[in-house]
Amino acid sequence: MQTAQYKQPNTSAPMDYLLYLGLGAVAGLISGLFGLGGGVVIVPILILSFEFQGMAPEISTHLAIGTSLATILVTSLSSIYTHNQKQAIRWDLVKVITPGIVLGALFGGILALSLNGGLLQLLFGGFLVAIALQMLVYKTVEQSSPVPKPLLLGIAGTGIGSLSTLFGIGGGALTTPFLTFNGVKIHHAVGTAAACGFPIALAATLVYGSATIPAVHLPESTLGYIFLPAWLGIVVISAPCARLGALLAHRTNARLLQKLFGIVLLLLGGRFVWLNLS
């Protein structure tokens, strides 16, 4: 079996907890500032960290995605609270889009568990490149057109939920541009995207947390494909940082930060695509 050549890694050393804390701080800021859910930061760094410590690629990608989605359960609550205080969440849209999101999240999680780790990592790299290009070239357009019809919201929610669970993100990278393109103001779109991240994370956590994997291929302290030490280290600091990011989103012009972040994602995504294609 291919994974037999890899050692069982020790991924809960003190230095690793410092990594998880730092990762949680960055992910929280990104979540609140851009409405991205933090997974676009958490997943690639966890993959690199796990593989550096000797974990098989067949396991590391799924474990990084499952852990990321479980952390968004906590991060999204802090972001939702702050955006709701600013009256920036369109709860009428959240209620309509949530059923599709949950259905899509369940489908995306099951699909991800059926994919080979290398293929999943290749797809994730391509997704990061697409998100990076979106952040670098997409310009927010606030239109006066009516908000999407319930049917369109349901279809979009299913697609957003599927892709979010497949790649370990909170859905904001997809929800925010979709809503702004359909006439929702940017701050309302970011706040609504943050609220949509919770049902995505909840459904995905149930799928990844209940997965059965041979224990010999996993580090200790895992719940299905959720690595508990990383989850704990990230959520401890990500929640307050998500609140800070949400506050900054209402006070700053984040366009320059968005471009810089897009460049980082482009490099990370390109790396995953290059390694798995070659």
C-alpha atoms as a PDB file:
ATOM      1  CA  MET A   1       0.000   0.000   0.000  1.00  0.00           C
ATOM      2  CA  GLN A   2       1.405   3.396  -0.979  1.00  0.00           C
ATOM      3  CA  THR A   3       0.930   5.032   2.404  1.00  0.00           C
ATOM      4  CA  ALA A   4       3.038   2.368   4.130  1.00  0.00           C
ATOM      5  CA  GLN A   5       6.248   4.197   3.226  1.00  0.00           C
ATOM      6  CA  TYR A   6       5.260   7.186   5.363  1.00  0.00           C
ATOM      7  CA  LYS A   7       5.862   7.331   9.080  1.00  0.00           C
ATOM      8  CA  GLN A   8       3.121   8.201  11.518  1.00  0.00           C
ATOM      9  CA  PRO A   9       3.893  11.887  12.167  1.00  0.00           C
ATOM     10  CA  ASN A  10       4.135  13.703  15.453  1.00  0.00           C
ATOM     11  CA  THR A  11       2.031  16.758  14.690  1.00  0.00           C
ATOM     12  CA  SER A  12       1.299  17.981  18.208  1.00  0.00           C
ATOM     13  CA  ALA A  13       4.742  19.215  19.352  1.00  0.00           C
ATOM     14  CA  PRO A  14       4.922  22.655  21.088  1.00  0.00           C
ATOM     15  CA  MET A  15       6.252  24.337  17.940  1.00  0.00           C
ATOM     16  CA  ASP A  16       3.299  22.956  16.005  1.00  0.00           C
ATOM     17  CA  TYR A  17       0.857  24.567  18.427  1.00  0.00           C
ATOM     18  CA  LEU A  18       2.576  27.906  17.806  1.00  0.00           C
ATOM     19  CA  LEU A  19       2.075  27.310  14.083  1.00  0.00           C
ATOM     20  CA  TYR A  20      -1.613  26.549  14.626  1.00  0.00           C
ATOM     21  CA  LEU A  21      -2.058  29.678  16.759  1.00  0.00           C
ATOM     22  CA  GLY A  22      -0.394  31.867  14.134  1.00  0.00           C
ATOM     23  CA  LEU A  23      -2.415  30.214  11.396  1.00  0.00           C
ATOM     24  CA  GLY A  24      -5.597  30.840  13.376  1.00  0.00           C
ATOM     25  CA  ALA A  25      -4.775  34.530  13.756  1.00  0.00           C
ATOM     26  CA  VAL A  26      -4.209  35.002  10.014  1.00  0.00           C
ATOM     27  CA  ALA A  27      -7.250  32.901   9.082  1.00  0.00           C
ATOM     28  CA  GLY A  28      -9.463  34.847  11.462  1.00  0.00           C
ATOM     29  CA  LEU A  29      -8.390  38.199  10.035  1.00  0.00           C
ATOM     30  CA  ILE A  30      -8.927  36.961   6.478  1.00  0.00           C
ATOM     31  CA  SER A  31     -12.340  35.583   7.412  1.00  0.00           C
ATOM     32  CA  GLY A  32     -13.601  38.823   8.899  1.00  0.00           C
ATOM     33  CA  LEU A  33     -11.925  41.158   6.401  1.00  0.00           C
ATOM     34  CA  PHE A  34     -12.828  39.455   3.124  1.00  0.00           C
ATOM     35  CA  GLY A  35     -15.630  37.073   4.127  1.00  0.00           C
ATOM     36  CA  LEU A  36     -13.568  34.130   2.846  1.00  0.00           C
ATOM     37  CA  GLY A  37     -13.993  31.822   5.828  1.00  0.00           C
ATOM     38  CA  GLY A  38     -10.251  31.441   6.430  1.00  0.00           C
ATOM     39  CA  GLY A  39     -10.046  28.060   4.723  1.00  0.00           C
ATOM     40  CA  VAL A  40      -8.075  29.447   1.786  1.00  0.00           C
ATOM     41  CA  VAL A  41      -5.285  30.066   4.314  1.00  0.00           C
ATOM     42  CA  ILE A  42      -5.779  27.121   6.667  1.00  0.00           C
ATOM     43  CA  VAL A  43      -5.934  24.327   4.089  1.00  0.00           C
ATOM     44  CA  PRO A  44      -2.711  24.982   2.100  1.00  0.00           C
ATOM     45  CA  ILE A  45      -0.620  25.696   5.209  1.00  0.00           C
ATOM     46  CA  LEU A  46      -1.912  22.590   7.003  1.00  0.00           C
ATOM     47  CA  ILE A  47      -1.192  20.471   3.912  1.00  0.00           C
ATOM     48  CA  LEU A  48       2.391  21.774   3.798  1.00  0.00           C
ATOM     49  CA  SER A  49       2.807  21.313   7.555  1.00  0.00           C
ATOM     50  CA  PHE A  50       1.454  17.747   7.575  1.00  0.00           C
ATOM     51  CA  GLU A  51       3.515  16.630   4.595  1.00  0.00           C
ATOM     52  CA  PHE A  52       6.674  18.250   5.999  1.00  0.00           C
ATOM     53  CA  GLN A  53       6.196  16.131   9.110  1.00  0.00           C
ATOM     54  CA  GLY A  54       5.907  12.918   7.094  1.00  0.00           C
ATOM     55  CA  MET A  55       2.171  12.431   6.600  1.00  0.00           C
ATOM     56  CA  ALA A  56       1.070  10.636   3.449  1.00  0.00           C
ATOM     57  CA  PRO A  57      -0.456  12.954   0.806  1.00  0.00           C
ATOM     58  CA  GLU A  58      -3.417  10.561   0.563  1.00  0.00           C
ATOM     59  CA  ILE A  59      -4.317  11.551   4.132  1.00  0.00           C
ATOM     60  CA  SER A  60      -2.897  15.059   4.576  1.00  0.00           C
ATOM     61  CA  THR A  61      -5.182  16.789   2.076  1.00  0.00           C
ATOM     62  CA  HIS A  62      -8.389  15.312   3.486  1.00  0.00           C
ATOM     63  CA  LEU A  63      -7.239  15.972   7.044  1.00  0.00           C
ATOM     64  CA  ALA A  64      -6.398  19.611   6.256  1.00  0.00           C
ATOM     65  CA  ILE A  65      -9.783  20.177   4.599  1.00  0.00           C
ATOM     66  CA  GLY A  66     -11.756  18.480   7.376  1.00  0.00           C
ATOM     67  CA  THR A  67      -9.896  20.401  10.083  1.00  0.00           C
ATOM     68  CA  SER A  68     -10.357  23.686   8.245  1.00  0.00           C
ATOM     69  CA  LEU A  69     -14.116  23.254   7.961  1.00  0.00           C
ATOM     70  CA  ALA A  70     -14.391  22.346  11.646  1.00  0.00           C
ATOM     71  CA  THR A  71     -12.573  25.548  12.642  1.00  0.00           C
ATOM     72  CA  ILE A  72     -14.958  27.625  10.526  1.00  0.00           C
ATOM     73  CA  LEU A  73     -17.756  26.519  12.850  1.00  0.00           C
ATOM     74  CA  VAL A  74     -16.195  28.765  15.508  1.00  0.00           C
ATOM     75  CA  THR A  75     -14.694  31.473  13.295  1.00  0.00           C
ATOM     76  CA  SER A  76     -17.968  32.096  11.497  1.00  0.00           C
ATOM     77  CA  LEU A  77     -19.857  32.690  14.770  1.00  0.00           C
ATOM     78  CA  SER A  78     -17.533  35.524  15.758  1.00  0.00           C
ATOM     79  CA  SER A  79     -17.692  37.049  12.282  1.00  0.00           C
ATOM     80  CA  ILE A  80     -21.491  36.700  12.167  1.00  0.00           C
ATOM     81  CA  TYR A  81     -21.847  38.442  15.522  1.00  0.00           C
ATOM     82  CA  THR A  82     -19.780  41.424  14.404  1.00  0.00           C
ATOM     83  CA  HIS A  83     -21.399  41.790  10.982  1.00  0.00           C
ATOM     84  CA  ASN A  84     -24.842  41.479  12.561  1.00  0.00           C
ATOM     85  CA  GLN A  85     -24.005  44.315  14.969  1.00  0.00           C
ATOM     86  CA  LYS A  86     -23.248  46.431  11.900  1.00  0.00           C
ATOM     87  CA  GLN A  87     -26.590  45.331  10.399  1.00  0.00           C
ATOM     88  CA  ALA A  88     -24.673  43.965   7.423  1.00  0.00           C
ATOM     89  CA  ILE A  89     -26.343  40.529   7.145  1.00  0.00           C
ATOM     90  CA  ARG A  90     -29.296  40.008   4.813  1.00  0.00           C
ATOM     91  CA  TRP A  91     -31.049  37.347   6.856  1.00  0.00           C
ATOM     92  CA  ASP A  92     -33.830  37.155   4.276  1.00  0.00           C
ATOM     93  CA  LEU A  93     -31.264  35.889   1.766  1.00  0.00           C
ATOM     94  CA  VAL A  94     -29.596  33.571   4.284  1.00  0.00           C
ATOM     95  CA  LYS A  95     -32.901  31.797   4.993  1.00  0.00           C
ATOM     96  CA  VAL A  96     -33.531  31.147   1.316  1.00  0.00           C
ATOM     97  CA  ILE A  97     -30.029  30.023   0.341  1.00  0.00           C
ATOM     98  CA  THR A  98     -29.289  27.816   3.384  1.00  0.00           C
ATOM     99  CA  PRO A  99     -31.204  24.651   2.313  1.00  0.00           C
ATOM    100  CA  GLY A 100     -29.285  24.529  -0.965  1.00  0.00           C
ATOM    101  CA  ILE A 101     -26.028  25.189   0.868  1.00  0.00           C
ATOM    102  CA  VAL A 102     -26.582  22.294   3.283  1.00  0.00           C
ATOM    103  CA  LEU A 103     -27.519  19.907   0.468  1.00  0.00           C
ATOM    104  CA  GLY A 104     -24.477  20.938  -1.550  1.00  0.00           C
ATOM    105  CA  ALA A 105     -22.176  20.700   1.475  1.00  0.00           C
ATOM    106  CA  LEU A 106     -23.225  17.112   2.158  1.00  0.00           C
ATOM    107  CA  PHE A 107     -22.679  16.177  -1.485  1.00  0.00           C
ATOM    108  CA  GLY A 108     -19.301  17.936  -1.670  1.00  0.00           C
ATOM    109  CA  GLY A 109     -18.060  16.233   1.493  1.00  0.00           C
ATOM    110  CA  ILE A 110     -19.016  12.766   0.274  1.00  0.00           C
ATOM    111  CA  LEU A 111     -17.393  13.470  -3.095  1.00  0.00           C
ATOM    112  CA  ALA A 112     -14.166  14.673  -1.447  1.00  0.00           C
ATOM    113  CA  LEU A 113     -13.890  11.511   0.652  1.00  0.00           C
ATOM    114  CA  SER A 114     -14.148   9.404  -2.507  1.00  0.00           C
ATOM    115  CA  LEU A 115     -11.289  11.211  -4.293  1.00  0.00           C
ATOM    116  CA  ASN A 116      -7.606  10.293  -4.221  1.00  0.00           C
ATOM    117  CA  GLY A 117      -5.525  12.714  -2.131  1.00  0.00           C
ATOM    118  CA  GLY A 118      -3.315  13.686  -5.077  1.00  0.00           C
ATOM    119  CA  LEU A 119      -6.270  14.457  -7.335  1.00  0.00           C
ATOM    120  CA  LEU A 120      -7.985  16.416  -4.575  1.00  0.00           C
ATOM    121  CA  GLN A 121      -4.807  18.440  -4.027  1.00  0.00           C
ATOM    122  CA  LEU A 122      -4.571  19.157  -7.768  1.00  0.00           C
ATOM    123  CA  LEU A 123      -8.175  20.354  -7.847  1.00  0.00           C
ATOM    124  CA  PHE A 124      -7.585  22.454  -4.753  1.00  0.00           C
ATOM    125  CA  GLY A 125      -4.556  24.075  -6.381  1.00  0.00           C
ATOM    126  CA  GLY A 126      -6.616  24.962  -9.440  1.00  0.00           C
ATOM    127  CA  PHE A 127      -9.306  26.386  -7.173  1.00  0.00           C
ATOM    128  CA  LEU A 128      -6.764  28.580  -5.357  1.00  0.00           C
ATOM    129  CA  VAL A 129      -5.508  29.913  -8.692  1.00  0.00           C
ATOM    130  CA  ALA A 130      -9.088  30.752  -9.712  1.00  0.00           C
ATOM    131  CA  ILE A 131      -9.766  32.543  -6.410  1.00  0.00           C
ATOM    132  CA  ALA A 132      -6.455  34.434  -6.716  1.00  0.00           C
ATOM    133  CA  LEU A 133      -7.293  35.633 -10.226  1.00  0.00           C
ATOM    134  CA  GLN A 134     -10.731  36.683  -9.019  1.00  0.00           C
ATOM    135  CA  MET A 135      -9.190  38.743  -6.217  1.00  0.00           C
ATOM    136  CA  LEU A 136      -6.633  40.322  -8.564  1.00  0.00           C
ATOM    137  CA  VAL A 137      -8.910  41.299 -11.435  1.00  0.00           C
ATOM    138  CA  TYR A 138     -12.481  41.294 -10.112  1.00  0.00           C
ATOM    139  CA  LYS A 139     -13.918  44.687  -9.286  1.00  0.00           C
ATOM    140  CA  THR A 140     -16.963  44.953  -7.071  1.00  0.00           C
ATOM    141  CA  VAL A 141     -19.990  46.145  -8.979  1.00  0.00           C
ATOM    142  CA  GLU A 142     -22.869  47.435  -6.899  1.00  0.00           C
ATOM    143  CA  GLN A 143     -25.928  47.348  -9.113  1.00  0.00           C
ATOM    144  CA  SER A 144     -29.446  48.517  -8.490  1.00  0.00           C
ATOM    145  CA  SER A 145     -30.867  45.321  -9.943  1.00  0.00           C
ATOM    146  CA  PRO A 146     -33.229  43.195  -7.830  1.00  0.00           C
ATOM    147  CA  VAL A 147     -31.780  40.481  -5.607  1.00  0.00           C
ATOM    148  CA  PRO A 148     -31.773  36.903  -6.936  1.00  0.00           C
ATOM    149  CA  LYS A 149     -34.996  34.918  -7.113  1.00  0.00           C
ATOM    150  CA  PRO A 150     -35.418  32.034  -4.610  1.00  0.00           C
ATOM    151  CA  LEU A 151     -34.817  29.397  -7.304  1.00  0.00           C
ATOM    152  CA  LEU A 152     -31.536  31.006  -8.372  1.00  0.00           C
ATOM    153  CA  LEU A 153     -30.481  31.342  -4.737  1.00  0.00           C
ATOM    154  CA  GLY A 154     -31.207  27.663  -4.148  1.00  0.00           C
ATOM    155  CA  ILE A 155     -29.214  26.538  -7.194  1.00  0.00           C
ATOM    156  CA  ALA A 156     -26.338  28.865  -6.343  1.00  0.00           C
ATOM    157  CA  GLY A 157     -26.386  27.688  -2.722  1.00  0.00           C
ATOM    158  CA  THR A 158     -26.057  24.054  -3.801  1.00  0.00           C
ATOM    159  CA  GLY A 159     -23.042  24.857  -5.968  1.00  0.00           C
ATOM    160  CA  ILE A 160     -21.436  27.031  -3.306  1.00  0.00           C
ATOM    161  CA  GLY A 161     -21.953  24.393  -0.619  1.00  0.00           C
ATOM    162  CA  SER A 162     -20.517  21.613  -2.805  1.00  0.00           C
ATOM    163  CA  LEU A 163     -17.351  23.482  -3.788  1.00  0.00           C
ATOM    164  CA  SER A 164     -16.829  24.872  -0.287  1.00  0.00           C
ATOM    165  CA  THR A 165     -16.941  21.434   1.335  1.00  0.00           C
ATOM    166  CA  LEU A 166     -14.822  19.913  -1.410  1.00  0.00           C
ATOM    167  CA  PHE A 167     -12.049  22.475  -0.858  1.00  0.00           C
ATOM    168  CA  GLY A 168     -12.407  23.259   2.865  1.00  0.00           C
ATOM    169  CA  ILE A 169     -13.515  26.909   2.671  1.00  0.00           C
ATOM    170  CA  GLY A 170     -16.361  28.836   4.256  1.00  0.00           C
ATOM    171  CA  GLY A 171     -17.925  29.786   0.939  1.00  0.00           C
ATOM    172  CA  GLY A 172     -17.333  33.544   1.114  1.00  0.00           C
ATOM    173  CA  ALA A 173     -15.008  33.485  -1.898  1.00  0.00           C
ATOM    174  CA  LEU A 174     -17.993  32.302  -3.942  1.00  0.00           C
ATOM    175  CA  THR A 175     -20.936  33.851  -2.095  1.00  0.00           C
ATOM    176  CA  THR A 176     -19.623  37.425  -1.931  1.00  0.00           C
ATOM    177  CA  PRO A 177     -19.059  37.963  -5.690  1.00  0.00           C
ATOM    178  CA  PHE A 178     -22.311  36.131  -6.505  1.00  0.00           C
ATOM    179  CA  LEU A 179     -24.332  38.446  -4.266  1.00  0.00           C
ATOM    180  CA  THR A 180     -22.624  41.663  -5.376  1.00  0.00           C
ATOM    181  CA  PHE A 181     -23.108  40.706  -9.025  1.00  0.00           C
ATOM    182  CA  ASN A 182     -26.813  40.310  -8.288  1.00  0.00           C
ATOM    183  CA  GLY A 183     -27.297  43.712  -6.732  1.00  0.00           C
ATOM    184  CA  VAL A 184     -26.352  43.261  -3.057  1.00  0.00           C
ATOM    185  CA  LYS A 185     -24.136  45.976  -1.572  1.00  0.00           C
ATOM    186  CA  ILE A 186     -20.596  44.844  -0.810  1.00  0.00           C
ATOM    187  CA  HIS A 187     -20.755  45.120   2.990  1.00  0.00           C
ATOM    188  CA  HIS A 188     -24.075  43.268   3.025  1.00  0.00           C
ATOM    189  CA  ALA A 189     -22.605  40.641   0.687  1.00  0.00           C
ATOM    190  CA  VAL A 190     -19.589  40.065   2.959  1.00  0.00           C
ATOM    191  CA  GLY A 191     -21.778  39.852   6.068  1.00  0.00           C
ATOM    192  CA  THR A 192     -24.267  37.518   4.401  1.00  0.00           C
ATOM    193  CA  ALA A 193     -21.412  35.330   3.116  1.00  0.00           C
ATOM    194  CA  ALA A 194     -20.085  35.037   6.671  1.00  0.00           C
ATOM    195  CA  ALA A 195     -23.515  33.906   7.881  1.00  0.00           C
ATOM    196  CA  CYS A 196     -23.676  31.301   5.105  1.00  0.00           C
ATOM    197  CA  GLY A 197     -20.345  29.868   6.258  1.00  0.00           C
ATOM    198  CA  PHE A 198     -21.864  28.350   9.401  1.00  0.00           C
ATOM    199  CA  PRO A 199     -24.287  25.875   7.761  1.00  0.00           C
ATOM    200  CA  ILE A 200     -21.552  24.899   5.300  1.00  0.00           C
ATOM    201  CA  ALA A 201     -19.125  24.181   8.147  1.00  0.00           C
ATOM    202  CA  LEU A 202     -21.739  22.342  10.222  1.00  0.00           C
ATOM    203  CA  ALA A 203     -22.758  19.942   7.453  1.00  0.00           C
ATOM    204  CA  ALA A 204     -19.154  19.391   6.357  1.00  0.00           C
ATOM    205  CA  THR A 205     -17.920  18.759   9.897  1.00  0.00           C
ATOM    206  CA  LEU A 206     -20.498  16.001  10.291  1.00  0.00           C
ATOM    207  CA  VAL A 207     -19.294  14.352   7.077  1.00  0.00           C
ATOM    208  CA  TYR A 208     -15.537  14.638   7.679  1.00  0.00           C
ATOM    209  CA  GLY A 209     -15.791  13.947  11.418  1.00  0.00           C
ATOM    210  CA  SER A 210     -17.695  10.703  10.888  1.00  0.00           C
ATOM    211  CA  ALA A 211     -15.330   9.334   8.225  1.00  0.00           C
ATOM    212  CA  THR A 212     -13.613   6.022   8.993  1.00  0.00           C
ATOM    213  CA  ILE A 213      -9.864   5.852   8.227  1.00  0.00           C
ATOM    214  CA  PRO A 214      -7.280   3.174   9.166  1.00  0.00           C
ATOM    215  CA  ALA A 215      -5.684   4.524  12.361  1.00  0.00           C
ATOM    216  CA  VAL A 216      -2.175   3.483  11.283  1.00  0.00           C
ATOM    217  CA  HIS A 217      -2.175   6.271   8.679  1.00  0.00           C
ATOM    218  CA  LEU A 218      -3.267   9.048  11.055  1.00  0.00           C
ATOM    219  CA  PRO A 219      -1.601  10.996  13.865  1.00  0.00           C
ATOM    220  CA  GLU A 220      -3.070  10.694  17.333  1.00  0.00           C
ATOM    221  CA  SER A 221      -6.005  12.851  18.491  1.00  0.00           C
ATOM    222  CA  THR A 222      -8.122  12.767  15.360  1.00  0.00           C
ATOM    223  CA  LEU A 223     -11.883  12.646  14.948  1.00  0.00           C
ATOM    224  CA  GLY A 224     -12.434  11.213  11.498  1.00  0.00           C
ATOM    225  CA  TYR A 225     -10.593  13.669   9.238  1.00  0.00           C
ATOM    226  CA  ILE A 226     -10.440  16.382  11.907  1.00  0.00           C
ATOM    227  CA  PHE A 227      -7.061  16.829  13.632  1.00  0.00           C
ATOM    228  CA  LEU A 228      -8.009  18.076  17.096  1.00  0.00           C
ATOM    229  CA  PRO A 229      -4.702  19.769  18.164  1.00  0.00           C
ATOM    230  CA  ALA A 230      -4.724  21.914  15.004  1.00  0.00           C
ATOM    231  CA  TRP A 231      -8.442  22.623  15.436  1.00  0.00           C
ATOM    232  CA  LEU A 232      -7.934  23.754  19.034  1.00  0.00           C
ATOM    233  CA  GLY A 233      -4.897  25.918  18.289  1.00  0.00           C
ATOM    234  CA  ILE A 234      -6.653  27.642  15.401  1.00  0.00           C
ATOM    235  CA  VAL A 235     -10.028  28.316  17.046  1.00  0.00           C
ATOM    236  CA  VAL A 236      -8.501  29.714  20.251  1.00  0.00           C
ATOM    237  CA  ILE A 237      -7.153  32.752  18.409  1.00  0.00           C
ATOM    238  CA  SER A 238      -9.167  32.848  15.178  1.00  0.00           C
ATOM    239  CA  ALA A 239     -12.461  33.940  16.760  1.00  0.00           C
ATOM    240  CA  PRO A 240     -11.202  37.251  18.228  1.00  0.00           C
ATOM    241  CA  CYS A 241      -9.138  37.891  15.087  1.00  0.00           C
ATOM    242  CA  ALA A 242     -12.228  37.289  12.934  1.00  0.00           C
ATOM    243  CA  ARG A 243     -14.020  39.984  14.939  1.00  0.00           C
ATOM    244  CA  LEU A 244     -11.083  42.334  14.388  1.00  0.00           C
ATOM    245  CA  GLY A 245     -11.104  41.573  10.666  1.00  0.00           C
ATOM    246  CA  ALA A 246     -14.835  42.252  10.444  1.00  0.00           C
ATOM    247  CA  LEU A 247     -14.357  45.609  12.170  1.00  0.00           C
ATOM    248  CA  LEU A 248     -11.531  46.509   9.776  1.00  0.00           C
ATOM    249  CA  ALA A 249     -13.740  45.582   6.822  1.00  0.00           C
ATOM    250  CA  HIS A 250     -16.040  48.464   7.739  1.00  0.00           C
ATOM    251  CA  ARG A 251     -13.236  50.975   8.312  1.00  0.00           C
ATOM    252  CA  THR A 252     -10.659  50.383   5.606  1.00  0.00           C
ATOM    253  CA  ASN A 253     -10.331  50.143   1.854  1.00  0.00           C
ATOM    254  CA  ALA A 254      -9.156  46.559   1.549  1.00  0.00           C
ATOM    255  CA  ARG A 255      -8.396  46.636  -2.196  1.00  0.00           C
ATOM    256  CA  LEU A 256      -4.598  46.706  -1.802  1.00  0.00           C
ATOM    257  CA  LEU A 257      -4.664  43.957   0.813  1.00  0.00           C
ATOM    258  CA  GLN A 258      -6.903  41.942  -1.470  1.00  0.00           C
ATOM    259  CA  LYS A 259      -4.386  42.183  -4.318  1.00  0.00           C
ATOM    260  CA  LEU A 260      -1.462  41.148  -2.106  1.00  0.00           C
ATOM    261  CA  PHE A 261      -3.449  38.240  -0.736  1.00  0.00           C
ATOM    262  CA  GLY A 262      -4.376  37.241  -4.285  1.00  0.00           C
ATOM    263  CA  ILE A 263      -0.678  37.041  -5.218  1.00  0.00           C
ATOM    264  CA  VAL A 264       0.019  34.748  -2.246  1.00  0.00           C
ATOM    265  CA  LEU A 265      -2.869  32.467  -3.227  1.00  0.00           C
ATOM    266  CA  LEU A 266      -1.673  32.405  -6.832  1.00  0.00           C
ATOM    267  CA  LEU A 267       1.763  31.174  -5.722  1.00  0.00           C
ATOM    268  CA  LEU A 268       0.325  28.541  -3.355  1.00  0.00           C
ATOM    269  CA  GLY A 269      -2.185  27.282  -5.903  1.00  0.00           C
ATOM    270  CA  GLY A 270       0.426  27.179  -8.644  1.00  0.00           C
ATOM    271  CA  ARG A 271       2.674  25.091  -6.411  1.00  0.00           C
ATOM    272  CA  PHE A 272      -0.006  22.458  -5.771  1.00  0.00           C
ATOM    273  CA  VAL A 273      -0.917  22.264  -9.447  1.00  0.00           C
ATOM    274  CA  TRP A 274       2.729  21.983 -10.560  1.00  0.00           C
ATOM    275  CA  LEU A 275       3.655  19.273  -8.047  1.00  0.00           C
ATOM    276  CA  ASN A 276       0.631  17.094  -8.739  1.00  0.00           C
ATOM    277  CA  LEU A 277       0.790  17.463 -12.511  1.00  0.00           C
ATOM    278  CA  SER A 278       4.475  16.564 -12.591  1.00  0.00           C
END
